[in-house]
PDB file of N, CA and C in Angstrom:
ATOM      1  N   MET A   1     -65.585 129.309 -21.671  1.00  0.00           N
ATOM      2  CA  MET A   1     -66.680 128.785 -20.874  1.00  0.00           C
ATOM      3  C   MET A   1     -66.750 129.538 -19.551  1.00  0.00           C
ATOM      4  N   MET A   2     -67.947 129.946 -19.186  1.00  0.00           N
ATOM      5  CA  MET A   2     -68.112 130.697 -17.947  1.00  0.00           C
ATOM      6  C   MET A   2     -68.174 129.743 -16.765  1.00  0.00           C
ATOM      7  N   PRO A   3     -67.582 130.153 -15.663  1.00  0.00           N
ATOM      8  CA  PRO A   3     -67.650 129.300 -14.459  1.00  0.00           C
ATOM      9  C   PRO A   3     -69.089 129.170 -13.962  1.00  0.00           C
ATOM     10  N   ASN A   4     -69.341 128.084 -13.260  1.00  0.00           N
ATOM     11  CA  ASN A   4     -70.699 127.823 -12.767  1.00  0.00           C
ATOM     12  C   ASN A   4     -71.173 128.882 -11.783  1.00  0.00           C
ATOM     13  N   LYS A   5     -70.251 129.430 -10.989  1.00  0.00           N
ATOM     14  CA  LYS A   5     -70.642 130.440 -10.002  1.00  0.00           C
ATOM     15  C   LYS A   5     -71.162 131.701 -10.690  1.00  0.00           C
ATOM     16  N   VAL A   6     -70.516 132.089 -11.791  1.00  0.00           N
ATOM     17  CA  VAL A   6     -70.946 133.281 -12.521  1.00  0.00           C
ATOM     18  C   VAL A   6     -72.323 133.045 -13.130  1.00  0.00           C
ATOM     19  N   ILE A   7     -72.531 131.871 -13.702  1.00  0.00           N
ATOM     20  CA  ILE A   7     -73.830 131.553 -14.292  1.00  0.00           C
ATOM     21  C   ILE A   7     -74.911 131.536 -13.215  1.00  0.00           C
ATOM     22  N   SER A   8     -74.589 131.014 -12.038  1.00  0.00           N
ATOM     23  CA  SER A   8     -75.565 130.964 -10.947  1.00  0.00           C
ATOM     24  C   SER A   8     -75.951 132.368 -10.482  1.00  0.00           C
ATOM     25  N   PHE A   9     -74.971 133.249 -10.301  1.00  0.00           N
ATOM     26  CA  PHE A   9     -75.269 134.617  -9.881  1.00  0.00           C
ATOM     27  C   PHE A   9     -76.075 135.332 -10.951  1.00  0.00           C
ATOM     28  N   PHE A  10     -75.713 135.127 -12.215  1.00  0.00           N
ATOM     29  CA  PHE A  10     -76.416 135.782 -13.308  1.00  0.00           C
ATOM     30  C   PHE A  10     -77.870 135.317 -13.372  1.00  0.00           C
ATOM     31  N   THR A  11     -78.078 134.015 -13.269  1.00  0.00           N
ATOM     32  CA  THR A  11     -79.431 133.463 -13.348  1.00  0.00           C
ATOM     33  C   THR A  11     -80.285 133.905 -12.170  1.00  0.00           C
ATOM     34  N   PHE A  12     -79.719 133.884 -10.964  1.00  0.00           N
ATOM     35  CA  PHE A  12     -80.471 134.308  -9.787  1.00  0.00           C
ATOM     36  C   PHE A  12     -80.799 135.795  -9.863  1.00  0.00           C
ATOM     37  N   GLY A  13     -79.865 136.588 -10.379  1.00  0.00           N
ATOM     38  CA  GLY A  13     -80.131 138.009 -10.556  1.00  0.00           C
ATOM     39  C   GLY A  13     -81.260 138.263 -11.534  1.00  0.00           C
ATOM     40  N   LEU A  14     -81.263 137.519 -12.648  1.00  0.00           N
ATOM     41  CA  LEU A  14     -82.363 137.660 -13.606  1.00  0.00           C
ATOM     42  C   LEU A  14     -83.685 137.255 -12.990  1.00  0.00           C
ATOM     43  N   PHE A  15     -83.672 136.178 -12.195  1.00  0.00           N
ATOM     44  CA  PHE A  15     -84.895 135.738 -11.521  1.00  0.00           C
ATOM     45  C   PHE A  15     -85.421 136.819 -10.586  1.00  0.00           C
ATOM     46  N   LEU A  16     -84.531 137.438  -9.809  1.00  0.00           N
ATOM     47  CA  LEU A  16     -84.974 138.483  -8.883  1.00  0.00           C
ATOM     48  C   LEU A  16     -85.508 139.705  -9.615  1.00  0.00           C
ATOM     49  N   ILE A  17     -84.872 140.076 -10.711  1.00  0.00           N
ATOM     50  CA  ILE A  17     -85.354 141.220 -11.484  1.00  0.00           C
ATOM     51  C   ILE A  17     -86.727 140.918 -12.069  1.00  0.00           C
ATOM     52  N   LEU A  18     -86.894 139.714 -12.593  1.00  0.00           N
ATOM     53  CA  LEU A  18     -88.188 139.325 -13.148  1.00  0.00           C
ATOM     54  C   LEU A  18     -89.262 139.267 -12.058  1.00  0.00           C
ATOM     55  N   ALA A  19     -88.914 138.702 -10.905  1.00  0.00           N
ATOM     56  CA  ALA A  19     -89.866 138.628  -9.797  1.00  0.00           C
ATOM     57  C   ALA A  19     -90.230 140.031  -9.302  1.00  0.00           C
ATOM     58  N   GLY A  20     -89.256 140.924  -9.253  1.00  0.00           N
ATOM     59  CA  GLY A  20     -89.536 142.293  -8.836  1.00  0.00           C
ATOM     60  C   GLY A  20     -90.423 143.028  -9.825  1.00  0.00           C
ATOM     61  N   ALA A  21     -90.200 142.782 -11.118  1.00  0.00           N
ATOM     62  CA  ALA A  21     -91.022 143.439 -12.135  1.00  0.00           C
ATOM     63  C   ALA A  21     -92.461 142.934 -12.083  1.00  0.00           C
ATOM     64  N   ILE A  22     -92.621 141.639 -11.898  1.00  0.00           N
ATOM     65  CA  ILE A  22     -93.977 141.078 -11.807  1.00  0.00           C
ATOM     66  C   ILE A  22     -94.674 141.583 -10.550  1.00  0.00           C
ATOM     67  N   SER A  23     -93.933 141.619  -9.439  1.00  0.00           N
ATOM     68  CA  SER A  23     -94.558 142.085  -8.198  1.00  0.00           C
ATOM     69  C   SER A  23     -94.848 143.585  -8.236  1.00  0.00           C
ATOM     70  N   ALA A  24     -94.120 144.338  -9.047  1.00  0.00           N
ATOM     71  CA  ALA A  24     -94.418 145.765  -9.199  1.00  0.00           C
ATOM     72  C   ALA A  24     -95.764 145.956  -9.893  1.00  0.00           C
ATOM     73  N   LEU A  25     -96.118 145.023 -10.765  1.00  0.00           N
ATOM     74  CA  LEU A  25     -97.424 145.112 -11.422  1.00  0.00           C
ATOM     75  C   LEU A  25     -98.571 144.951 -10.429  1.00  0.00           C
ATOM     76  N   PHE A  26     -98.304 144.225  -9.331  1.00  0.00           N
ATOM     77  CA  PHE A  26     -99.322 144.006  -8.313  1.00  0.00           C
ATOM     78  C   PHE A  26     -99.179 144.967  -7.132  1.00  0.00           C
ATOM     79  N   ASN A  27     -98.387 146.025  -7.326  1.00  0.00           N
ATOM     80  CA  ASN A  27     -98.184 147.081  -6.325  1.00  0.00           C
ATOM     81  C   ASN A  27     -97.675 146.554  -4.993  1.00  0.00           C
ATOM     82  N   TRP A  28     -96.763 145.597  -5.038  1.00  0.00           N
ATOM     83  CA  TRP A  28     -96.120 145.093  -3.829  1.00  0.00           C
ATOM     84  C   TRP A  28     -95.088 146.113  -3.390  1.00  0.00           C
ATOM     85  N   SER A  29     -95.079 146.461  -2.122  1.00  0.00           N
ATOM     86  CA  SER A  29     -94.224 147.555  -1.653  1.00  0.00           C
ATOM     87  C   SER A  29     -92.731 147.213  -1.688  1.00  0.00           C
ATOM     88  N   GLN A  30     -92.377 145.943  -1.698  1.00  0.00           N
ATOM     89  CA  GLN A  30     -90.968 145.549  -1.693  1.00  0.00           C
ATOM     90  C   GLN A  30     -90.428 145.244  -3.085  1.00  0.00           C
ATOM     91  N   ALA A  31     -91.172 145.550  -4.126  1.00  0.00           N
ATOM     92  CA  ALA A  31     -90.771 145.207  -5.493  1.00  0.00           C
ATOM     93  C   ALA A  31     -89.464 145.890  -5.889  1.00  0.00           C
ATOM     94  N   ASN A  32     -89.308 147.154  -5.532  1.00  0.00           N
ATOM     95  CA  ASN A  32     -88.079 147.864  -5.896  1.00  0.00           C
ATOM     96  C   ASN A  32     -86.863 147.280  -5.180  1.00  0.00           C
ATOM     97  N   LEU A  33     -87.050 146.841  -3.958  1.00  0.00           N
ATOM     98  CA  LEU A  33     -85.950 146.230  -3.217  1.00  0.00           C
ATOM     99  C   LEU A  33     -85.523 144.916  -3.868  1.00  0.00           C
ATOM    100  N   VAL A  34     -86.482 144.118  -4.288  1.00  0.00           N
ATOM    101  CA  VAL A  34     -86.175 142.838  -4.939  1.00  0.00           C
ATOM    102  C   VAL A  34     -85.437 143.082  -6.252  1.00  0.00           C
ATOM    103  N   MET A  35     -85.878 144.069  -7.021  1.00  0.00           N
ATOM    104  CA  MET A  35     -85.191 144.387  -8.274  1.00  0.00           C
ATOM    105  C   MET A  35     -83.780 144.921  -8.017  1.00  0.00           C
ATOM    106  N   ALA A  36     -83.607 145.701  -6.967  1.00  0.00           N
ATOM    107  CA  ALA A  36     -82.280 146.224  -6.643  1.00  0.00           C
ATOM    108  C   ALA A  36     -81.330 145.100  -6.230  1.00  0.00           C
ATOM    109  N   ILE A  37     -81.815 144.152  -5.468  1.00  0.00           N
ATOM    110  CA  ILE A  37     -80.980 143.006  -5.083  1.00  0.00           C
ATOM    111  C   ILE A  37     -80.624 142.192  -6.326  1.00  0.00           C
ATOM    112  N   GLY A  38     -81.564 142.056  -7.250  1.00  0.00           N
ATOM    113  CA  GLY A  38     -81.277 141.377  -8.510  1.00  0.00           C
ATOM    114  C   GLY A  38     -80.190 142.079  -9.296  1.00  0.00           C
ATOM    115  N   LEU A  39     -80.218 143.397  -9.314  1.00  0.00           N
ATOM    116  CA  LEU A  39     -79.179 144.155 -10.001  1.00  0.00           C
ATOM    117  C   LEU A  39     -77.822 143.986  -9.330  1.00  0.00           C
ATOM    118  N   VAL A  40     -77.815 143.869  -8.014  1.00  0.00           N
ATOM    119  CA  VAL A  40     -76.553 143.625  -7.300  1.00  0.00           C
ATOM    120  C   VAL A  40     -75.978 142.273  -7.700  1.00  0.00           C
ATOM    121  N   PHE A  41     -76.823 141.251  -7.812  1.00  0.00           N
ATOM    122  CA  PHE A  41     -76.348 139.941  -8.240  1.00  0.00           C
ATOM    123  C   PHE A  41     -75.833 139.983  -9.679  1.00  0.00           C
ATOM    124  N   GLU A  42     -76.485 140.761 -10.542  1.00  0.00           N
ATOM    125  CA  GLU A  42     -76.013 140.907 -11.915  1.00  0.00           C
ATOM    126  C   GLU A  42     -74.645 141.589 -11.942  1.00  0.00           C
ATOM    127  N   LEU A  43     -74.479 142.621 -11.132  1.00  0.00           N
ATOM    128  CA  LEU A  43     -73.201 143.312 -11.061  1.00  0.00           C
ATOM    129  C   LEU A  43     -72.114 142.391 -10.526  1.00  0.00           C
ATOM    130  N   LEU A  44     -72.438 141.593  -9.520  1.00  0.00           N
ATOM    131  CA  LEU A  44     -71.480 140.642  -8.970  1.00  0.00           C
ATOM    132  C   LEU A  44     -71.070 139.612 -10.019  1.00  0.00           C
ATOM    133  N   ALA A  45     -72.019 139.133 -10.800  1.00  0.00           N
ATOM    134  CA  ALA A  45     -71.699 138.172 -11.863  1.00  0.00           C
ATOM    135  C   ALA A  45     -70.782 138.810 -12.903  1.00  0.00           C
ATOM    136  N   ALA A  46     -71.048 140.057 -13.264  1.00  0.00           N
ATOM    137  CA  ALA A  46     -70.201 140.750 -14.242  1.00  0.00           C
ATOM    138  C   ALA A  46     -68.794 140.959 -13.700  1.00  0.00           C
ATOM    139  N   LEU A  47     -68.687 141.326 -12.426  1.00  0.00           N
ATOM    140  CA  LEU A  47     -67.370 141.517 -11.826  1.00  0.00           C
ATOM    141  C   LEU A  47     -66.593 140.208 -11.733  1.00  0.00           C
ATOM    142  N   LEU A  48     -67.264 139.124 -11.360  1.00  0.00           N
ATOM    143  CA  LEU A  48     -66.592 137.828 -11.313  1.00  0.00           C
ATOM    144  C   LEU A  48     -66.134 137.389 -12.696  1.00  0.00           C
ATOM    145  N   PHE A  49     -66.958 137.613 -13.698  1.00  0.00           N
ATOM    146  CA  PHE A  49     -66.593 137.254 -15.061  1.00  0.00           C
ATOM    147  C   PHE A  49     -65.371 138.044 -15.515  1.00  0.00           C
ATOM    148  N   ALA A  50     -65.373 139.352 -15.254  1.00  0.00           N
ATOM    149  CA  ALA A  50     -64.241 140.193 -15.643  1.00  0.00           C
ATOM    150  C   ALA A  50     -62.982 139.802 -14.878  1.00  0.00           C
ATOM    151  N   TRP A  51     -63.126 139.487 -13.594  1.00  0.00           N
ATOM    152  CA  TRP A  51     -61.981 139.092 -12.779  1.00  0.00           C
ATOM    153  C   TRP A  51     -61.343 137.807 -13.310  1.00  0.00           C
ATOM    154  N   LYS A  52     -62.170 136.848 -13.700  1.00  0.00           N
ATOM    155  CA  LYS A  52     -61.651 135.591 -14.264  1.00  0.00           C
ATOM    156  C   LYS A  52     -60.944 135.842 -15.586  1.00  0.00           C
ATOM    157  N   LYS A  53     -61.488 136.728 -16.419  1.00  0.00           N
ATOM    158  CA  LYS A  53     -60.869 137.031 -17.704  1.00  0.00           C
ATOM    159  C   LYS A  53     -59.527 137.749 -17.527  1.00  0.00           C
ATOM    160  N   ILE A  54     -59.453 138.651 -16.555  1.00  0.00           N
ATOM    161  CA  ILE A  54     -58.209 139.383 -16.313  1.00  0.00           C
ATOM    162  C   ILE A  54     -57.133 138.462 -15.752  1.00  0.00           C
ATOM    163  N   ASN A  55     -57.520 137.562 -14.841  1.00  0.00           N
ATOM    164  CA  ASN A  55     -56.536 136.675 -14.217  1.00  0.00           C
ATOM    165  C   ASN A  55     -56.056 135.559 -15.131  1.00  0.00           C
ATOM    166  N   ASN A  56     -56.775 135.254 -16.193  1.00  0.00           N
ATOM    167  CA  ASN A  56     -56.350 134.190 -17.108  1.00  0.00           C
ATOM    168  C   ASN A  56     -55.250 134.648 -18.067  1.00  0.00           C
ATOM    169  N   LYS A  57     -55.008 135.937 -18.144  1.00  0.00           N
ATOM    170  CA  LYS A  57     -53.966 136.436 -19.067  1.00  0.00           C
ATOM    171  C   LYS A  57     -52.605 136.412 -18.457  1.00  0.00           C
TER     172      LYS A  57
END
């Protein structure tokens, strides 16, 4: 079972990526920044997940 913090970071990252993609369709100038922040949250969720798996052994 994944910890709640990892699920929260993953979900928020997906939301930001989706929001950035939608805003890119409307030529919003900050769309790439929003997608990049979403990717950072996805990376953080992956690192937290891996850290929990490594420490449980």
